[in-house]
């Protein structure tokens, strides 16, 4: 890769410059991915165009004539150049595929981590709700018990009052 402004890096692929950042392609940067894809497609189209030009040049200028040795050597060299570009493109695409697979795996791992985190939050929220419900139930039980005790005290008080009135009536 060639260093440019401190963040951007790139690679010369089959005669073209394809940029990518120093840490590989980031998951968030899908626009960048399509730009890289477009660059590779352009390189491939350029190689195909060069191949078509070489094929045209292979046709003899007039039927029945043949190309001279110099022209043949020139065309052979052009073919070799395109074969080299294809090999370089193949290597770059293989490397890109590896990067994309790493990104995909990182994305899966990140997703799984977020799911686990959310499941933990849900679980702790459920535990909190369970504890609050238990606390509420205990408070209600205490209030019901207090109410029962107060009812009993009222009954006891009424009975005592009746007995006191009865006792008071004996002194008349």
Protein backbone atom coordinates (compact mmCIF):
# COMPACT_ATOMS: atom_id res chain seq x y z
CA UNK A 1 0.00 0.00 0.00
CA UNK A 2 1.07 3.57 -0.58
CA UNK A 3 0.67 6.14 2.23
CA UNK A 4 -1.08 9.39 1.30
CA UNK A 5 -2.41 11.87 3.91
CA UNK A 6 -1.93 9.83 7.10
CA UNK A 7 -5.30 8.01 7.01
CA UNK A 8 -5.79 6.85 3.44
CA UNK A 9 -3.86 3.99 1.95
CA UNK A 10 -4.22 2.32 -1.37
CA UNK A 11 -2.98 -0.38 -3.65
CA UNK A 12 -2.01 -0.37 -7.27
CA UNK A 13 -4.11 -3.14 -8.75
CA UNK A 14 -3.52 -4.23 -12.35
CA UNK A 15 -2.37 -0.75 -13.38
CA UNK A 16 -4.99 1.17 -11.34
CA UNK A 17 -4.91 2.76 -7.89
CA UNK A 18 -7.52 1.39 -5.47
CA UNK A 19 -7.64 3.16 -2.09
CA UNK A 20 -8.57 1.65 1.27
CA UNK A 21 -7.87 2.73 4.82
CA UNK A 22 -4.96 1.45 6.90
CA UNK A 23 -7.10 -0.89 9.06
CA UNK A 24 -8.97 -2.59 6.23
CA UNK A 25 -12.49 -1.69 5.25
CA UNK A 26 -14.78 -0.70 8.12
CA UNK A 27 -18.20 -2.28 8.58
CA UNK A 28 -19.85 1.17 8.69
CA UNK A 29 -18.39 2.21 5.36
CA UNK A 30 -20.61 0.37 2.87
CA UNK A 31 -20.36 3.25 0.39
CA UNK A 32 -16.62 2.63 0.38
CA UNK A 33 -17.24 -1.06 -0.35
CA UNK A 34 -19.31 -0.26 -3.42
CA UNK A 35 -16.62 2.21 -4.56
CA UNK A 36 -14.00 -0.55 -4.26
CA UNK A 37 -16.31 -2.91 -6.14
CA UNK A 38 -16.74 -0.29 -8.91
CA UNK A 39 -12.95 0.16 -9.14
CA UNK A 40 -12.44 -3.58 -9.62
CA UNK A 41 -15.20 -3.69 -12.26
CA UNK A 42 -13.53 -0.80 -14.12
CA UNK A 43 -10.16 -2.58 -14.05
CA UNK A 44 -11.77 -5.77 -15.36
CA UNK A 45 -13.55 -3.82 -18.14
CA UNK A 46 -10.25 -2.13 -19.06
CA UNK A 47 -8.48 -5.50 -19.33
CA UNK A 48 -11.35 -6.80 -21.51
CA UNK A 49 -11.06 -3.70 -23.74
CA UNK A 50 -7.29 -4.18 -24.08
CA UNK A 51 -7.89 -7.85 -25.00
CA UNK A 52 -10.34 -6.82 -27.73
CA UNK A 53 -7.81 -4.32 -29.14
CA UNK A 54 -5.10 -7.02 -29.22
CA UNK A 55 -7.52 -9.39 -31.00
CA UNK A 56 -8.19 -6.67 -33.60
CA UNK A 57 -4.46 -6.15 -34.11
CA UNK A 58 -4.01 -9.91 -34.58
CA UNK A 59 -6.19 -9.72 -37.72
CA UNK A 60 -3.93 -9.30 -40.77
CA UNK A 61 -4.26 -5.91 -42.55
CA UNK A 62 -5.41 -7.66 -45.75
CA UNK A 63 -6.60 -11.22 -46.33
CA UNK A 64 -3.77 -13.54 -47.27
CA UNK A 65 -1.05 -11.44 -45.59
CA UNK A 66 0.58 -12.13 -42.23
CA UNK A 67 1.88 -9.94 -39.40
CA UNK A 68 5.62 -9.35 -39.22
CA UNK A 69 7.78 -10.58 -36.34
CA UNK A 70 7.99 -7.11 -34.75
CA UNK A 71 4.16 -6.76 -34.66
CA UNK A 72 3.78 -10.30 -33.26
CA UNK A 73 6.37 -9.63 -30.52
CA UNK A 74 4.62 -6.33 -29.68
CA UNK A 75 1.24 -8.12 -29.42
CA UNK A 76 2.79 -10.92 -27.33
CA UNK A 77 4.17 -8.29 -24.92
CA UNK A 78 0.74 -6.62 -24.70
CA UNK A 79 -0.85 -10.02 -23.98
CA UNK A 80 1.74 -10.73 -21.27
CA UNK A 81 0.98 -7.33 -19.69
CA UNK A 82 -2.75 -8.13 -19.59
CA UNK A 83 -2.10 -11.61 -18.16
CA UNK A 84 0.01 -9.97 -15.43
CA UNK A 85 -2.78 -7.47 -14.73
CA UNK A 86 -5.25 -10.38 -14.44
CA UNK A 87 -2.98 -12.18 -11.94
CA UNK A 88 -2.56 -9.01 -9.86
CA UNK A 89 -6.33 -8.41 -9.97
CA UNK A 90 -6.94 -12.01 -8.89
CA UNK A 91 -4.60 -11.59 -5.89
CA UNK A 92 -6.19 -8.26 -4.94
CA UNK A 93 -9.69 -9.75 -5.19
CA UNK A 94 -8.66 -12.74 -3.06
CA UNK A 95 -7.28 -10.33 -0.43
CA UNK A 96 -10.45 -8.23 -0.64
CA UNK A 97 -12.58 -11.35 -0.19
CA UNK A 98 -10.56 -12.20 2.94
CA UNK A 99 -11.13 -8.68 4.29
CA UNK A 100 -14.86 -8.90 3.59
CA UNK A 101 -15.05 -12.28 5.34
CA UNK A 102 -13.28 -10.76 8.36
CA UNK A 103 -15.74 -7.85 8.34
CA UNK A 104 -18.65 -10.28 8.12
CA UNK A 105 -17.29 -12.30 11.06
CA UNK A 106 -16.66 -9.12 13.10
CA UNK A 107 -20.23 -8.00 12.34
CA UNK A 108 -21.61 -11.36 13.46
CA UNK A 109 -19.52 -11.27 16.65
CA UNK A 110 -20.59 -7.69 17.40
CA UNK A 111 -24.24 -8.59 16.79
CA UNK A 112 -23.97 -11.64 19.09
CA UNK A 113 -22.29 -9.51 21.76
CA UNK A 114 -25.07 -6.90 21.55
CA UNK A 115 -27.75 -9.62 21.73
CA UNK A 116 -26.07 -11.09 24.84
CA UNK A 117 -25.86 -7.63 26.41
CA UNK A 118 -29.55 -6.98 25.71
CA UNK A 119 -30.52 -10.40 27.06
CA UNK A 120 -28.57 -9.54 30.23
CA UNK A 121 -30.42 -6.23 30.54
CA UNK A 122 -33.79 -7.96 30.05
CA UNK A 123 -32.85 -10.60 32.62
CA UNK A 124 -31.78 -8.03 35.22
CA UNK A 125 -34.94 -6.00 34.52
CA UNK A 126 -37.05 -9.12 35.09
CA UNK A 127 -35.19 -9.77 38.35
CA UNK A 128 -35.82 -6.17 39.44
CA UNK A 129 -39.55 -6.53 38.62
CA UNK A 130 -39.65 -9.82 40.58
CA UNK A 131 -38.02 -8.16 43.63
CA UNK A 132 -40.36 -5.15 43.44
CA UNK A 133 -43.36 -7.50 43.20
CA UNK A 134 -42.15 -9.47 46.26
CA UNK A 135 -41.65 -6.21 48.21
CA UNK A 136 -45.14 -5.03 47.23
CA UNK A 137 -46.65 -8.39 48.24
CA UNK A 138 -44.87 -8.24 51.64
CA UNK A 139 -46.17 -4.68 52.21
CA UNK A 140 -49.72 -5.73 51.30
CA UNK A 141 -49.45 -8.77 53.60
CA UNK A 142 -48.25 -6.52 56.48
CA UNK A 143 -51.09 -4.07 55.84
CA UNK A 144 -53.66 -6.90 55.76
CA UNK A 145 -52.19 -8.28 59.01
CA UNK A 146 -52.27 -4.79 60.60
CA UNK A 147 -55.86 -4.36 59.46
CA UNK A 148 -56.78 -7.73 61.00
CA UNK A 149 -55.03 -6.80 64.26
CA UNK A 150 -56.83 -3.42 64.35
CA UNK A 151 -60.19 -5.17 63.71
CA UNK A 152 -59.45 -7.55 66.61
CA UNK A 153 -58.43 -4.63 68.86
CA UNK A 154 -61.73 -2.86 68.03
CA UNK A 155 -63.67 -6.04 68.92
CA UNK A 156 -61.63 -6.43 72.14
CA UNK A 157 -62.19 -2.73 72.96
CA UNK A 158 -65.95 -3.03 72.34
CA UNK A 159 -66.11 -6.14 74.59
CA UNK A 160 -64.14 -4.36 77.28
CA UNK A 161 -66.40 -1.30 77.01
CA UNK A 162 -69.50 -3.51 77.42
CA UNK A 163 -67.93 -5.20 80.49
CA UNK A 164 -66.94 -1.80 81.95
CA UNK A 165 -70.50 -0.48 81.48
CA UNK A 166 -71.82 -3.66 83.07
CA UNK A 167 -69.43 -3.27 85.99
CA UNK A 168 -70.29 0.43 86.31
CA UNK A 169 -74.00 -0.50 86.42
CA UNK A 170 -73.37 -2.68 89.51
CA UNK A 171 -72.26 0.40 91.51
CA UNK A 172 -75.54 2.24 91.09
